Amino acid sequence: MASDHVAFSSPSFPIEPGEDQETNPGIYGKALASWVAAKLRSRGVAIDGVIAEDFGRCVVVTRKPMLLFIAVASDDEQATKWQMYIAAEQRPLRKLFWPANPELALGRLREHFRAIVAEIPGARDVEWQ
């Protein structure tokens, strides 16, 4: 099975002053998340939004029938080390009454994710975890 978590270095995603006020101190990724969202859109994937979370940014692909997203964050409070992963979450009540199989949606997103990682500008030390 293909990994859904990747870490890499790239100087191509500048940090905006104060951007970690929307997340946690030292957690960045706004420029990277915007880039990922644009790349997904260019591949025909609809994006529900890019939101700040305490752990970084989420590029939300869909919210129904499950939350499907790519999480993006800086690694070790550095401006050039990054990590990303894809995830699907379904609330327990929704899962009970409207079951959905996340594997089909994850599989499609995984293909886009791997292709996008191959296009990261200036990427080095790419490590699938």
Protein backbone atom coordinates (compact mmCIF):
# COMPACT_ATOMS: atom_id res chain seq x y z
CA MET A 1 0.00 0.00 0.00
CA ALA A 2 1.25 3.50 -0.83
CA SER A 3 2.22 5.70 2.07
CA ASP A 4 -0.02 8.61 2.96
CA HIS A 5 2.66 10.58 4.85
CA VAL A 6 5.65 12.35 3.38
CA ALA A 7 8.38 14.59 4.81
CA PHE A 8 10.68 16.74 2.69
CA SER A 9 12.74 19.93 2.53
CA SER A 10 11.98 22.84 0.22
CA PRO A 11 12.79 26.55 0.42
CA SER A 12 9.88 27.36 -1.94
CA PHE A 13 7.12 28.10 0.60
CA PRO A 14 7.83 31.36 2.42
CA ILE A 15 6.37 31.95 5.86
CA GLU A 16 4.16 35.00 6.33
CA PRO A 17 4.82 37.07 9.45
CA GLY A 18 2.41 35.96 12.18
CA GLU A 19 0.98 33.01 10.26
CA ASP A 20 1.53 30.73 13.26
CA GLN A 21 -0.97 32.81 15.24
CA GLU A 22 -3.66 30.82 13.40
CA THR A 23 -2.06 27.48 14.36
CA ASN A 24 0.42 26.91 17.19
CA PRO A 25 3.67 28.79 17.71
CA GLY A 26 6.29 27.60 15.23
CA ILE A 27 3.79 25.69 13.07
CA TYR A 28 3.75 26.96 9.48
CA GLY A 29 2.48 25.84 6.11
CA LYS A 30 0.09 28.44 4.72
CA ALA A 31 2.01 28.87 1.43
CA LEU A 32 2.46 25.11 1.03
CA ALA A 33 -1.24 24.45 1.69
CA SER A 34 -2.21 27.10 -0.89
CA TRP A 35 0.15 25.49 -3.40
CA VAL A 36 -1.30 22.01 -2.73
CA ALA A 37 -4.85 23.35 -3.14
CA ALA A 38 -3.92 25.00 -6.46
CA LYS A 39 -2.25 21.81 -7.71
CA LEU A 40 -5.32 19.73 -6.80
CA ARG A 41 -7.62 22.21 -8.57
CA SER A 42 -5.40 22.06 -11.65
CA ARG A 43 -5.90 18.28 -11.61
CA GLY A 44 -9.69 18.72 -11.53
CA VAL A 45 -10.15 18.07 -7.81
CA ALA A 46 -12.70 20.34 -6.13
CA ILE A 47 -11.45 21.88 -2.88
CA ASP A 48 -13.82 22.74 -0.03
CA GLY A 49 -11.29 25.13 1.51
CA VAL A 50 -7.97 25.56 3.28
CA ILE A 51 -8.31 25.91 7.03
CA ALA A 52 -5.94 26.51 9.92
CA GLU A 53 -5.74 23.87 12.65
CA ASP A 54 -3.52 23.72 15.70
CA PHE A 55 -1.23 21.21 13.96
CA GLY A 56 -0.93 23.17 10.68
CA ARG A 57 -3.25 23.56 7.68
CA CYS A 58 -5.86 21.31 6.14
CA VAL A 59 -6.61 21.31 2.44
CA VAL A 60 -10.20 20.08 2.69
CA VAL A 61 -11.30 18.07 -0.33
CA THR A 62 -14.75 17.16 0.97
CA ARG A 63 -16.76 17.16 4.19
CA LYS A 64 -19.49 14.66 3.22
CA PRO A 65 -19.98 11.79 3.54
CA MET A 66 -16.64 12.01 5.38
CA LEU A 67 -13.99 14.62 5.99
CA LEU A 68 -11.25 14.03 3.42
CA PHE A 69 -8.19 16.26 3.57
CA ILE A 70 -4.47 16.74 3.13
CA ALA A 71 -2.74 18.00 6.28
CA VAL A 72 0.28 20.26 5.83
CA ALA A 73 2.73 21.51 8.46
CA SER A 74 6.26 22.63 9.01
CA ASP A 75 8.56 20.11 10.65
CA ASP A 76 10.56 21.02 13.75
CA GLU A 77 9.59 24.72 13.60
CA GLN A 78 11.72 25.19 10.49
CA ALA A 79 10.80 27.20 7.42
CA THR A 80 12.19 24.68 4.93
CA LYS A 81 11.23 21.28 6.39
CA TRP A 82 7.68 20.09 5.75
CA GLN A 83 5.38 17.15 6.22
CA MET A 84 2.07 16.26 4.61
CA TYR A 85 -0.39 13.42 4.92
CA ILE A 86 -3.82 12.49 3.64
CA ALA A 87 -6.64 11.44 5.94
CA ALA A 88 -10.32 10.55 6.02
CA GLU A 89 -12.43 11.01 9.13
CA GLN A 90 -16.04 10.10 9.66
CA ARG A 91 -18.02 11.12 12.73
CA PRO A 92 -19.44 8.18 14.68
CA LEU A 93 -23.14 9.08 14.17
CA ARG A 94 -22.65 9.75 10.49
CA LYS A 95 -20.78 6.46 10.20
CA LEU A 96 -23.66 4.65 11.90
CA PHE A 97 -26.45 6.13 9.76
CA TRP A 98 -24.62 6.95 6.52
CA PRO A 99 -21.75 4.49 6.22
CA ALA A 100 -19.16 5.25 3.58
CA ASN A 101 -16.09 3.37 2.52
CA PRO A 102 -13.17 5.79 2.72
CA GLU A 103 -10.84 3.55 0.70
CA LEU A 104 -12.25 4.55 -2.69
CA ALA A 105 -11.96 8.28 -1.94
CA LEU A 106 -8.56 7.82 -0.30
CA GLY A 107 -7.32 5.85 -3.29
CA ARG A 108 -8.23 8.61 -5.73
CA LEU A 109 -6.74 11.31 -3.52
CA ARG A 110 -3.62 9.20 -2.97
CA GLU A 111 -2.94 9.20 -6.73
CA HIS A 112 -3.16 13.00 -6.87
CA PHE A 113 -1.10 13.33 -3.67
CA ARG A 114 1.78 11.24 -5.01
CA ALA A 115 1.77 13.15 -8.31
CA ILE A 116 1.78 16.50 -6.51
CA VAL A 117 4.67 15.48 -4.25
CA ALA A 118 6.71 14.70 -7.38
CA GLU A 119 6.14 18.33 -8.52
CA ILE A 120 7.16 20.14 -5.30
CA PRO A 121 9.53 22.92 -6.33
CA GLY A 122 13.00 22.59 -4.85
CA ALA A 123 12.11 19.38 -2.99
CA ARG A 124 14.92 17.33 -1.54
CA ASP A 125 15.26 14.67 1.14
CA VAL A 126 11.79 13.35 0.24
CA GLU A 127 10.95 10.55 2.67
CA TRP A 128 7.75 8.52 2.55
CA GLN A 129 6.92 7.44 6.07
